């Protein structure tokens, strides 16, 4: 039984953590509406922070808290090649009984040119059970190349062709929030080029409409999306995942839910701070449906 949980949990957590960022990649692609092609004012600010509880449910475990996740914009800018950039950080950590079976302590960082609205550098520090991986990427848009270095039990380097606009896992989330989604209608699909592990993927996001969602921090009016990845060897089929983001200028991710090989996992918002705009999506008790 322990072997089953170890292996299933490893696979499930990897896919879930990976896809946690993909649902926010709702930018314009070939199927996007024309007014989605111009970004509006950046809806986040330095010091913004979102906190989540990772919940897991299966016939083996029942309902348990699997871990915690954080997405934040550092309060001070960083520099890449002398250029000031915004510094995004995402972390995922298991806790409780999950640490007995398979400990996860992962950290992802993106260094974002907020003028050009694309990443200049991305780093990944993966600690999953006994597995260790360090991964660093530098984006060279002038030559349309991504230079990467991967360190596991050995070190490998790679050069990958990239388009003029591409995003890593974290920058995809933040960049997507800067688009006006007000003209979307249920059934519309939008896409993005996403760089992951030396491959450029094409992801597709389906907009499903508006819905109220309640977490421990309150009830919110949200926009509901279902993402899937269309190309690339890792993503051979769509994933049954849903993401809800606040229906206001902040585009705050409120909930992420996915069916996995064994059981279901969900990320629920448990805390936030330093939002740029008023939280107009919050629903008082009198307005809840």
Protein backbone atom coordinates (compact mmCIF):
# COMPACT_ATOMS: atom_id res chain seq x y z
CA UNK A 1 0.00 0.00 0.00
CA UNK A 2 2.84 2.42 0.84
CA UNK A 3 4.44 1.69 -2.55
CA UNK A 4 1.13 2.49 -4.26
CA UNK A 5 0.72 5.79 -2.48
CA UNK A 6 4.36 6.78 -3.03
CA UNK A 7 4.21 6.23 -6.78
CA UNK A 8 0.69 7.53 -7.36
CA UNK A 9 1.30 10.55 -5.16
CA UNK A 10 4.58 11.32 -6.92
CA UNK A 11 2.86 11.28 -10.30
CA UNK A 12 -0.23 13.12 -9.13
CA UNK A 13 1.63 15.87 -7.30
CA UNK A 14 3.98 16.42 -10.22
CA UNK A 15 1.11 16.81 -12.69
CA UNK A 16 -0.95 18.90 -10.30
CA UNK A 17 1.91 21.26 -9.38
CA UNK A 18 2.82 21.57 -13.04
CA UNK A 19 -0.72 22.33 -14.12
CA UNK A 20 -1.34 24.71 -11.23
CA UNK A 21 0.18 27.48 -13.33
CA UNK A 22 -1.28 26.50 -16.71
CA UNK A 23 -4.90 27.51 -16.10
CA UNK A 24 -3.90 31.15 -15.85
CA UNK A 25 -2.36 31.08 -19.31
CA UNK A 26 -5.47 32.52 -20.86
CA UNK A 27 -3.93 34.85 -23.41
CA UNK A 28 -4.84 35.45 -26.99
CA UNK A 29 -3.88 32.92 -29.58
CA UNK A 30 -5.38 32.21 -32.99
CA UNK A 31 -8.79 31.61 -31.44
CA UNK A 32 -8.74 34.63 -29.14
CA UNK A 33 -11.04 37.58 -29.59
CA UNK A 34 -9.38 40.61 -31.19
CA UNK A 35 -9.80 42.86 -28.16
CA UNK A 36 -7.84 40.30 -26.10
CA UNK A 37 -4.70 41.08 -28.06
CA UNK A 38 -3.87 44.29 -26.22
CA UNK A 39 -2.85 43.98 -22.55
CA UNK A 40 -4.33 46.44 -20.13
CA UNK A 41 -2.55 47.85 -17.08
CA UNK A 42 -0.61 45.27 -15.07
CA UNK A 43 -3.06 44.09 -12.35
CA UNK A 44 -0.47 43.10 -9.75
CA UNK A 45 2.05 44.97 -7.66
CA UNK A 46 5.20 44.22 -5.70
CA UNK A 47 4.36 42.54 -2.41
CA UNK A 48 1.27 40.74 -3.72
CA UNK A 49 0.91 37.28 -2.15
CA UNK A 50 -1.57 34.42 -2.53
CA UNK A 51 -1.65 31.45 -0.14
CA UNK A 52 -3.34 28.10 -0.82
CA UNK A 53 -4.14 24.84 0.92
CA UNK A 54 -3.65 21.71 -1.20
CA UNK A 55 -6.43 19.18 -0.51
CA UNK A 56 -6.37 15.55 -1.65
CA UNK A 57 -9.17 13.00 -1.70
CA UNK A 58 -9.04 9.30 -2.63
CA UNK A 59 -10.43 5.95 -1.50
CA UNK A 60 -7.07 5.28 0.18
CA UNK A 61 -6.66 8.55 2.10
CA UNK A 62 -10.11 10.07 2.40
CA UNK A 63 -10.09 13.88 2.64
CA UNK A 64 -6.68 15.17 3.79
CA UNK A 65 -4.62 18.34 3.61
CA UNK A 66 -1.69 17.45 1.37
CA UNK A 67 0.31 20.65 1.55
CA UNK A 68 0.54 24.37 0.99
CA UNK A 69 1.31 26.57 -2.02
CA UNK A 70 2.29 30.24 -2.28
CA UNK A 71 2.47 32.63 -5.23
CA UNK A 72 4.08 36.01 -4.60
CA UNK A 73 5.69 39.05 -6.17
CA UNK A 74 8.76 40.02 -4.17
CA UNK A 75 8.55 43.45 -2.55
CA UNK A 76 11.84 44.60 -4.07
CA UNK A 77 12.81 44.34 -7.77
CA UNK A 78 15.67 42.12 -8.88
CA UNK A 79 18.12 42.67 -11.75
CA UNK A 80 19.00 40.55 -14.78
CA UNK A 81 21.94 41.84 -16.79
CA UNK A 82 21.64 45.16 -14.97
CA UNK A 83 17.98 45.53 -15.94
CA UNK A 84 15.40 45.92 -13.16
CA UNK A 85 12.79 43.15 -13.27
CA UNK A 86 9.86 41.92 -11.21
CA UNK A 87 10.64 38.78 -9.21
CA UNK A 88 7.92 36.12 -9.03
CA UNK A 89 8.20 33.15 -6.64
CA UNK A 90 6.02 30.04 -6.38
CA UNK A 91 6.47 27.34 -3.74
CA UNK A 92 4.73 24.02 -3.09
CA UNK A 93 5.32 21.96 0.06
CA UNK A 94 3.69 18.81 1.38
CA UNK A 95 2.82 18.47 5.04
CA UNK A 96 1.46 16.03 7.59
CA UNK A 97 1.04 12.38 6.55
CA UNK A 98 2.12 13.20 2.99
CA UNK A 99 5.63 13.90 4.22
CA UNK A 100 5.78 10.32 5.49
CA UNK A 101 5.11 8.95 2.02
CA UNK A 102 6.62 11.50 -0.34
CA UNK A 103 8.00 14.86 0.75
CA UNK A 104 7.77 17.69 -1.78
CA UNK A 105 9.55 21.04 -1.33
CA UNK A 106 9.66 22.83 -4.69
CA UNK A 107 10.50 26.43 -5.53
CA UNK A 108 10.01 28.19 -8.87
CA UNK A 109 11.22 31.72 -9.71
CA UNK A 110 10.66 33.95 -12.73
CA UNK A 111 12.39 37.25 -13.46
CA UNK A 112 9.95 39.31 -15.50
CA UNK A 113 10.55 42.32 -17.74
CA UNK A 114 7.39 44.24 -16.90
CA UNK A 115 7.89 46.67 -19.79
CA UNK A 116 8.12 43.96 -22.50
CA UNK A 117 5.90 41.65 -20.41
CA UNK A 118 7.93 38.48 -20.81
CA UNK A 119 10.45 36.56 -18.68
CA UNK A 120 14.22 37.02 -18.94
CA UNK A 121 15.16 34.17 -16.62
CA UNK A 122 13.52 31.21 -14.88
CA UNK A 123 14.79 28.89 -12.13
CA UNK A 124 13.39 25.69 -10.69
CA UNK A 125 14.49 23.90 -7.51
CA UNK A 126 12.72 20.55 -7.21
CA UNK A 127 12.97 18.39 -4.08
CA UNK A 128 10.64 15.38 -4.31
CA UNK A 129 11.43 12.43 -2.05
CA UNK A 130 15.04 11.53 -2.81
CA UNK A 131 14.95 13.25 -6.20
CA UNK A 132 16.74 16.57 -6.73
CA UNK A 133 16.68 18.79 -9.81
CA UNK A 134 18.02 22.29 -10.42
CA UNK A 135 16.94 23.89 -13.68
CA UNK A 136 17.90 27.34 -14.97
CA UNK A 137 16.77 29.07 -18.18
CA UNK A 138 17.84 32.33 -19.80
CA UNK A 139 15.64 33.74 -22.58
CA UNK A 140 17.43 35.47 -25.47
CA UNK A 141 14.68 37.12 -27.52
CA UNK A 142 17.04 38.92 -29.87
CA UNK A 143 18.28 35.58 -31.18
CA UNK A 144 15.06 33.72 -30.31
CA UNK A 145 16.88 31.12 -28.21
CA UNK A 146 16.48 29.74 -24.69
CA UNK A 147 19.67 28.58 -22.96
CA UNK A 148 19.14 26.05 -20.17
CA UNK A 149 21.14 24.09 -17.62
CA UNK A 150 19.74 21.05 -15.81
CA UNK A 151 21.45 19.49 -12.78
CA UNK A 152 20.29 16.12 -11.43
CA UNK A 153 22.82 13.30 -11.01
CA UNK A 154 24.65 14.94 -13.92
CA UNK A 155 24.64 18.31 -15.67
CA UNK A 156 23.18 18.88 -19.13
CA UNK A 157 22.87 22.05 -21.22
CA UNK A 158 20.49 22.79 -24.08
CA UNK A 159 19.62 25.50 -26.59
CA UNK A 160 16.01 25.69 -27.77
CA UNK A 161 14.40 27.83 -30.47
CA UNK A 162 11.64 30.03 -29.05
CA UNK A 163 9.09 32.44 -30.53
CA UNK A 164 9.28 36.17 -29.89
CA UNK A 165 6.75 35.80 -27.04
CA UNK A 166 7.01 32.78 -24.75
CA UNK A 167 6.44 32.22 -21.06
CA UNK A 168 7.61 30.00 -18.25
CA UNK A 169 5.24 28.49 -15.69
CA UNK A 170 5.14 31.53 -13.41
CA UNK A 171 5.28 34.36 -15.93
CA UNK A 172 2.36 32.73 -17.77
CA UNK A 173 0.19 33.16 -14.70
CA UNK A 174 1.09 36.80 -14.15
CA UNK A 175 1.07 37.82 -17.81
CA UNK A 176 -2.36 36.34 -18.44
CA UNK A 177 -3.90 38.45 -15.74
CA UNK A 178 -3.07 41.63 -17.68
CA UNK A 179 -5.58 40.93 -20.46
CA UNK A 180 -9.14 42.17 -20.57
CA UNK A 181 -11.34 39.08 -20.51
CA UNK A 182 -14.60 40.99 -20.40
CA UNK A 183 -15.56 40.12 -24.00
CA UNK A 184 -15.15 36.36 -23.57
CA UNK A 185 -18.22 34.20 -24.04
CA UNK A 186 -18.70 30.59 -22.84
CA UNK A 187 -17.08 28.22 -25.30
CA UNK A 188 -14.36 30.65 -26.42
CA UNK A 189 -10.85 29.19 -26.48
CA UNK A 190 -7.59 31.09 -26.07
CA UNK A 191 -3.97 29.93 -26.23
CA UNK A 192 -0.32 30.57 -25.36
CA UNK A 193 3.21 29.38 -26.13
CA UNK A 194 4.69 27.95 -22.93
CA UNK A 195 8.35 26.97 -22.39
CA UNK A 196 8.86 23.98 -20.11
CA UNK A 197 11.89 21.69 -19.83
CA UNK A 198 13.46 22.66 -23.17
CA UNK A 199 10.22 22.36 -25.14
CA UNK A 200 7.73 24.95 -26.35
CA UNK A 201 4.16 23.75 -25.74
CA UNK A 202 0.91 25.13 -27.08
CA UNK A 203 -1.79 25.26 -24.43
CA UNK A 204 -5.49 25.90 -24.95
CA UNK A 205 -7.85 27.37 -22.37
CA UNK A 206 -11.61 26.99 -22.61
CA UNK A 207 -13.76 29.64 -20.97
CA UNK A 208 -16.89 28.18 -19.34
CA UNK A 209 -18.61 31.19 -17.81
CA UNK A 210 -19.19 32.82 -14.42
CA UNK A 211 -19.71 31.08 -11.08
CA UNK A 212 -19.69 31.85 -7.35
CA UNK A 213 -17.02 30.01 -5.34
CA UNK A 214 -16.66 29.84 -1.55
CA UNK A 215 -13.40 29.17 0.32
CA UNK A 216 -12.33 29.79 3.92
CA UNK A 217 -11.66 33.47 3.10
CA UNK A 218 -15.10 34.15 1.64
CA UNK A 219 -17.35 33.88 -1.40
CA UNK A 220 -16.32 35.35 -4.76
CA UNK A 221 -17.78 35.92 -8.19
CA UNK A 222 -15.37 34.14 -10.52
CA UNK A 223 -14.53 33.36 -14.14
CA UNK A 224 -14.28 29.63 -14.82
CA UNK A 225 -11.71 28.09 -17.18
CA UNK A 226 -10.66 24.59 -18.25
CA UNK A 227 -7.11 24.27 -19.58
CA UNK A 228 -5.57 21.61 -21.75
CA UNK A 229 -2.21 21.23 -23.45
CA UNK A 230 -2.38 20.49 -27.15
CA UNK A 231 1.23 19.72 -28.08
CA UNK A 232 4.35 18.25 -26.50
CA UNK A 233 5.49 14.80 -25.39
CA UNK A 234 4.63 15.22 -21.70
CA UNK A 235 1.00 16.17 -22.38
CA UNK A 236 -0.40 13.35 -24.47
CA UNK A 237 -4.02 14.03 -23.50
CA UNK A 238 -6.16 16.80 -21.97
CA UNK A 239 -6.39 16.99 -18.16
CA UNK A 240 -9.74 17.31 -16.41
CA UNK A 241 -8.85 20.50 -14.54
CA UNK A 242 -10.82 23.62 -13.66
CA UNK A 243 -9.61 27.03 -12.48
CA UNK A 244 -11.68 29.85 -10.99
CA UNK A 245 -10.27 33.42 -10.94
CA UNK A 246 -11.90 36.46 -9.35
CA UNK A 247 -14.20 38.40 -11.65
CA UNK A 248 -12.56 41.77 -11.05
CA UNK A 249 -9.39 43.59 -12.16
CA UNK A 250 -7.16 41.53 -9.85
CA UNK A 251 -7.91 38.19 -11.59
CA UNK A 252 -7.01 36.48 -8.31
CA UNK A 253 -6.94 32.66 -8.53
CA UNK A 254 -9.50 31.43 -6.01
CA UNK A 255 -9.61 27.67 -6.64
CA UNK A 256 -7.94 25.02 -8.80
CA UNK A 257 -9.39 21.49 -8.98
CA UNK A 258 -8.26 18.40 -10.86
CA UNK A 259 -9.17 14.76 -11.22
CA UNK A 260 -6.01 12.63 -11.08
CA UNK A 261 -5.05 9.04 -11.82
CA UNK A 262 -6.01 8.22 -8.23
CA UNK A 263 -8.39 10.61 -6.46
CA UNK A 264 -8.82 14.37 -6.78
CA UNK A 265 -6.79 17.36 -5.69
CA UNK A 266 -7.82 20.94 -5.05
CA UNK A 267 -6.09 24.21 -4.23
CA UNK A 268 -8.21 26.62 -2.19
CA UNK A 269 -7.29 30.22 -1.46
CA UNK A 270 -6.59 30.70 2.26
CA UNK A 271 -4.99 34.14 2.30
CA UNK A 272 -3.92 37.12 0.22
CA UNK A 273 -2.37 40.54 0.60
CA UNK A 274 -1.32 43.66 -1.33
CA UNK A 275 -3.90 43.47 -4.11
CA UNK A 276 -3.60 46.28 -6.63
CA UNK A 277 -7.31 46.88 -7.07
CA UNK A 278 -10.38 46.77 -4.80
CA UNK A 279 -11.72 43.25 -4.36
CA UNK A 280 -15.00 43.89 -6.17
CA UNK A 281 -15.63 40.17 -6.72
CA UNK A 282 -16.18 39.55 -2.99
CA UNK A 283 -19.79 38.58 -2.26
CA UNK A 284 -21.31 39.50 1.11
CA UNK A 285 -23.63 37.02 2.77
CA UNK A 286 -26.71 38.82 1.48
CA UNK A 287 -25.65 38.38 -2.15
CA UNK A 288 -24.65 34.71 -2.12
CA UNK A 289 -26.46 32.22 -4.30
